Amino acid sequence: SAVRLGALMPLVGGGGAGNTAGSNPSGTGTSLNIIGNHIYGNNNVTMSSGETTVFFNHTNGAYYAVIEIAAGRNMKSAAEITTTVILDGEECYDAKLDNGVANTLTMPFGTPFKMIIPPYSNFQLKFTTDDSGDTIGCTIQGRVYA
C-alpha cells in the first residue's frame, strides 16, 4: 500500500505541533521531543546530597500539551527528594518524599501525574536531594494539540 509522504513529515510552524528535530529524539536529556502529535522526554540523573537538578526545561509553541510525568529512584538510600513543577516561573506543584529507613516508598509520581502545558508556556521539572545522594529517573509522555 502507498504511504503519503506528507503523513510522515513533521508539523512545523503556525497551527503545527512544533519541529520534530529536537536535540535528542531518541535519547535522554532535558528537552521534550515532539514527533507527530506525541511529546516525550526521558532523563536519569545520579545526584549528590543537597543538589538541585532541572530534569526538563521546555517551551511550547502554538500548541498545548497534555502530559503524564512518571519518576522513580533506585532506592539505595533513605534520601529526601523534593519534586517541583514550574510553569512560566511559578511553582505549581511541590512534593517532598522521605523514603524512611525501609527504603520502600515510591516517588510522588508512583501513579503518573497528569497536567496540561498551555501554548507559549515554559515548563520545568526539577528534583532536589535534601540529605543523601541518589539516582532518579523520570519520563514524560503525552500528546500535543494545535
C-alpha atoms as a PDB file:
ATOM      1  CA  SER A   1       0.000   0.000   0.000  1.00  0.00           C
ATOM      2  CA  ALA A   2       1.142   3.538  -0.724  1.00  0.00           C
ATOM      3  CA  VAL A   3       2.202   5.896   2.042  1.00  0.00           C
ATOM      4  CA  ARG A   4       1.705   9.611   1.597  1.00  0.00           C
ATOM      5  CA  LEU A   5       4.984  11.420   2.233  1.00  0.00           C
ATOM      6  CA  GLY A   6       3.132  14.262   3.977  1.00  0.00           C
ATOM      7  CA  ALA A   7       1.863  11.812   6.595  1.00  0.00           C
ATOM      8  CA  LEU A   8       5.456  11.181   7.695  1.00  0.00           C
ATOM      9  CA  MET A   9       6.637  14.785   7.776  1.00  0.00           C
ATOM     10  CA  PRO A  10       6.646  16.882  10.947  1.00  0.00           C
ATOM     11  CA  LEU A  11       4.180  19.664  11.517  1.00  0.00           C
ATOM     12  CA  VAL A  12       6.139  22.916  11.655  1.00  0.00           C
ATOM     13  CA  GLY A  13       5.038  26.499  12.144  1.00  0.00           C
ATOM     14  CA  GLY A  14       1.618  28.050  12.705  1.00  0.00           C
ATOM     15  CA  GLY A  15      -1.040  25.553  13.687  1.00  0.00           C
ATOM     16  CA  GLY A  16       1.507  22.760  13.760  1.00  0.00           C
ATOM     17  CA  ALA A  17       2.845  20.779  16.645  1.00  0.00           C
ATOM     18  CA  GLY A  18       6.370  22.127  16.558  1.00  0.00           C
ATOM     19  CA  ASN A  19       9.559  20.964  14.927  1.00  0.00           C
ATOM     20  CA  THR A  20      10.465  17.328  15.481  1.00  0.00           C
ATOM     21  CA  ALA A  21      14.182  17.982  15.025  1.00  0.00           C
ATOM     22  CA  GLY A  22      14.802  18.176  18.784  1.00  0.00           C
ATOM     23  CA  SER A  23      18.249  17.758  20.269  1.00  0.00           C
ATOM     24  CA  ASN A  24      17.651  14.199  21.446  1.00  0.00           C
ATOM     25  CA  PRO A  25      14.803  12.481  19.594  1.00  0.00           C
ATOM     26  CA  SER A  26      15.786   9.020  20.809  1.00  0.00           C
ATOM     27  CA  GLY A  27      17.974   9.589  23.871  1.00  0.00           C
ATOM     28  CA  THR A  28      17.915  11.085  27.315  1.00  0.00           C
ATOM     29  CA  GLY A  29      18.256  14.768  28.131  1.00  0.00           C
ATOM     30  CA  THR A  30      16.450  17.854  29.345  1.00  0.00           C
ATOM     31  CA  SER A  31      14.416  18.687  26.262  1.00  0.00           C
ATOM     32  CA  LEU A  32      10.957  17.383  25.475  1.00  0.00           C
ATOM     33  CA  ASN A  33      10.726  15.949  21.986  1.00  0.00           C
ATOM     34  CA  ILE A  34       7.804  16.114  19.560  1.00  0.00           C
ATOM     35  CA  ILE A  35       7.153  13.516  16.884  1.00  0.00           C
ATOM     36  CA  GLY A  36       3.866  13.998  15.056  1.00  0.00           C
ATOM     37  CA  ASN A  37       1.335  14.669  17.802  1.00  0.00           C
ATOM     38  CA  HIS A  38       3.337  12.914  20.551  1.00  0.00           C
ATOM     39  CA  ILE A  39       5.550  14.634  23.130  1.00  0.00           C
ATOM     40  CA  TYR A  40       8.037  12.801  25.329  1.00  0.00           C
ATOM     41  CA  GLY A  41      11.203  13.048  27.354  1.00  0.00           C
ATOM     42  CA  ASN A  42      13.466  10.703  29.308  1.00  0.00           C
ATOM     43  CA  ASN A  43      16.076  11.575  31.886  1.00  0.00           C
ATOM     44  CA  ASN A  44      18.078   9.679  34.515  1.00  0.00           C
ATOM     45  CA  VAL A  45      20.484  11.524  36.814  1.00  0.00           C
ATOM     46  CA  THR A  46      22.713  10.464  39.709  1.00  0.00           C
ATOM     47  CA  MET A  47      22.535  13.367  42.141  1.00  0.00           C
ATOM     48  CA  SER A  48      24.722  14.326  45.107  1.00  0.00           C
ATOM     49  CA  SER A  49      23.429  15.311  48.535  1.00  0.00           C
ATOM     50  CA  GLY A  50      21.867  18.775  48.554  1.00  0.00           C
ATOM     51  CA  GLU A  51      21.824  19.051  44.756  1.00  0.00           C
ATOM     52  CA  THR A  52      19.016  20.524  42.625  1.00  0.00           C
ATOM     53  CA  THR A  53      18.751  19.366  39.013  1.00  0.00           C
ATOM     54  CA  VAL A  54      16.373  20.612  36.315  1.00  0.00           C
ATOM     55  CA  PHE A  55      15.330  17.421  34.539  1.00  0.00           C
ATOM     56  CA  PHE A  56      13.224  19.101  31.850  1.00  0.00           C
ATOM     57  CA  ASN A  57      13.029  22.663  30.513  1.00  0.00           C
ATOM     58  CA  HIS A  58      10.631  23.058  27.573  1.00  0.00           C
ATOM     59  CA  THR A  59       8.732  25.959  25.991  1.00  0.00           C
ATOM     60  CA  ASN A  60       5.614  25.202  23.950  1.00  0.00           C
ATOM     61  CA  GLY A  61       4.891  26.923  20.660  1.00  0.00           C
ATOM     62  CA  ALA A  62       1.412  27.440  19.201  1.00  0.00           C
ATOM     63  CA  TYR A  63       0.100  24.227  20.744  1.00  0.00           C
ATOM     64  CA  TYR A  64      -0.798  22.841  24.129  1.00  0.00           C
ATOM     65  CA  ALA A  65       0.379  19.510  25.500  1.00  0.00           C
ATOM     66  CA  VAL A  66      -1.350  17.024  27.791  1.00  0.00           C
ATOM     67  CA  ILE A  67       1.401  15.111  29.581  1.00  0.00           C
ATOM     68  CA  GLU A  68       1.931  12.386  32.181  1.00  0.00           C
ATOM     69  CA  ILE A  69       5.011  12.500  34.414  1.00  0.00           C
ATOM     70  CA  ALA A  70       6.386   9.322  36.000  1.00  0.00           C
ATOM     71  CA  ALA A  71       9.506   9.277  38.186  1.00  0.00           C
ATOM     72  CA  GLY A  72      11.359   6.762  40.299  1.00  0.00           C
ATOM     73  CA  ARG A  73      14.582   6.242  42.160  1.00  0.00           C
ATOM     74  CA  ASN A  74      16.909   3.350  42.745  1.00  0.00           C
ATOM     75  CA  MET A  75      16.002   3.007  46.451  1.00  0.00           C
ATOM     76  CA  LYS A  76      19.632   2.801  47.582  1.00  0.00           C
ATOM     77  CA  SER A  77      19.171   5.366  50.325  1.00  0.00           C
ATOM     78  CA  ALA A  78      16.645   6.993  52.597  1.00  0.00           C
ATOM     79  CA  ALA A  79      17.175  10.356  50.890  1.00  0.00           C
ATOM     80  CA  GLU A  80      14.541  13.036  50.976  1.00  0.00           C
ATOM     81  CA  ILE A  81      13.636  14.056  47.432  1.00  0.00           C
ATOM     82  CA  THR A  82      11.702  17.218  46.561  1.00  0.00           C
ATOM     83  CA  THR A  83       9.871  17.349  43.224  1.00  0.00           C
ATOM     84  CA  THR A  84       8.874  20.731  41.793  1.00  0.00           C
ATOM     85  CA  VAL A  85       6.837  21.510  38.664  1.00  0.00           C
ATOM     86  CA  ILE A  86       7.248  25.088  37.383  1.00  0.00           C
ATOM     87  CA  LEU A  87       5.090  26.798  34.735  1.00  0.00           C
ATOM     88  CA  ASP A  88       6.232  30.201  33.472  1.00  0.00           C
ATOM     89  CA  GLY A  89       8.436  30.683  36.533  1.00  0.00           C
ATOM     90  CA  GLU A  90       5.673  29.855  39.052  1.00  0.00           C
ATOM     91  CA  GLU A  91       5.871  26.712  41.182  1.00  0.00           C
ATOM     92  CA  CYS A  92       2.571  24.907  40.633  1.00  0.00           C
ATOM     93  CA  TYR A  93       3.364  21.534  42.264  1.00  0.00           C
ATOM     94  CA  ASP A  94       5.814  20.755  45.034  1.00  0.00           C
ATOM     95  CA  ALA A  95       6.093  17.471  46.915  1.00  0.00           C
ATOM     96  CA  LYS A  96       8.688  16.097  49.295  1.00  0.00           C
ATOM     97  CA  LEU A  97       9.262  12.352  49.644  1.00  0.00           C
ATOM     98  CA  ASP A  98      11.069  10.959  52.670  1.00  0.00           C
ATOM     99  CA  ASN A  99      11.766   7.331  51.850  1.00  0.00           C
ATOM    100  CA  GLY A 100      12.365   6.407  55.505  1.00  0.00           C
ATOM    101  CA  VAL A 101      14.510   3.609  56.847  1.00  0.00           C
ATOM    102  CA  ALA A 102      12.711   0.844  54.930  1.00  0.00           C
ATOM    103  CA  ASN A 103      13.593   2.371  51.533  1.00  0.00           C
ATOM    104  CA  THR A 104      10.332   1.081  50.061  1.00  0.00           C
ATOM    105  CA  LEU A 105       8.240   4.133  49.157  1.00  0.00           C
ATOM    106  CA  THR A 106       7.710   5.286  45.585  1.00  0.00           C
ATOM    107  CA  MET A 107       8.252   8.804  44.334  1.00  0.00           C
ATOM    108  CA  PRO A 108       5.376  11.316  44.380  1.00  0.00           C
ATOM    109  CA  PHE A 109       4.604  10.131  40.845  1.00  0.00           C
ATOM    110  CA  GLY A 110       4.028   6.480  41.844  1.00  0.00           C
ATOM    111  CA  THR A 111       0.939   6.971  39.704  1.00  0.00           C
ATOM    112  CA  PRO A 112       1.652   9.184  36.690  1.00  0.00           C
ATOM    113  CA  PHE A 113       0.934  12.856  37.384  1.00  0.00           C
ATOM    114  CA  LYS A 114      -1.134  14.452  34.613  1.00  0.00           C
ATOM    115  CA  MET A 115      -1.052  18.093  33.609  1.00  0.00           C
ATOM    116  CA  ILE A 116      -1.510  20.491  30.685  1.00  0.00           C
ATOM    117  CA  ILE A 117       1.251  22.741  29.353  1.00  0.00           C
ATOM    118  CA  PRO A 118      -0.539  25.749  27.765  1.00  0.00           C
ATOM    119  CA  PRO A 119       0.562  27.309  24.462  1.00  0.00           C
ATOM    120  CA  TYR A 120       3.683  29.514  24.637  1.00  0.00           C
ATOM    121  CA  SER A 121       4.390  28.380  28.223  1.00  0.00           C
ATOM    122  CA  ASN A 122       7.688  27.327  29.762  1.00  0.00           C
ATOM    123  CA  PHE A 123       7.567  24.005  31.662  1.00  0.00           C
ATOM    124  CA  GLN A 124      10.303  22.926  34.054  1.00  0.00           C
ATOM    125  CA  LEU A 125      10.594  19.869  36.267  1.00  0.00           C
ATOM    126  CA  LYS A 126      13.280  19.782  38.928  1.00  0.00           C
ATOM    127  CA  PHE A 127      14.340  17.426  41.696  1.00  0.00           C
ATOM    128  CA  THR A 128      16.282  18.243  44.860  1.00  0.00           C
ATOM    129  CA  THR A 129      18.090  15.690  47.042  1.00  0.00           C
ATOM    130  CA  ASP A 130      17.974  17.084  50.550  1.00  0.00           C
ATOM    131  CA  ASP A 131      20.155  14.824  52.663  1.00  0.00           C
ATOM    132  CA  SER A 132      21.685  11.986  50.654  1.00  0.00           C
ATOM    133  CA  GLY A 133      22.666  11.294  47.071  1.00  0.00           C
ATOM    134  CA  ASP A 134      20.506   9.088  44.863  1.00  0.00           C
ATOM    135  CA  THR A 135      19.754   8.220  41.237  1.00  0.00           C
ATOM    136  CA  ILE A 136      16.427   9.481  39.896  1.00  0.00           C
ATOM    137  CA  GLY A 137      14.808   8.594  36.601  1.00  0.00           C
ATOM    138  CA  CYS A 138      11.883  10.433  35.021  1.00  0.00           C
ATOM    139  CA  THR A 139       9.818  10.034  31.879  1.00  0.00           C
ATOM    140  CA  ILE A 140       7.230  12.319  30.334  1.00  0.00           C
ATOM    141  CA  GLN A 141       4.822  11.255  27.639  1.00  0.00           C
ATOM    142  CA  GLY A 142       1.777  12.871  26.153  1.00  0.00           C
ATOM    143  CA  ARG A 143       0.097  14.439  23.187  1.00  0.00           C
ATOM    144  CA  VAL A 144       0.158  17.855  21.574  1.00  0.00           C
ATOM    145  CA  TYR A 145      -2.887  19.671  20.202  1.00  0.00           C
ATOM    146  CA  ALA A 146      -2.726  22.547  17.714  1.00  0.00           C
END
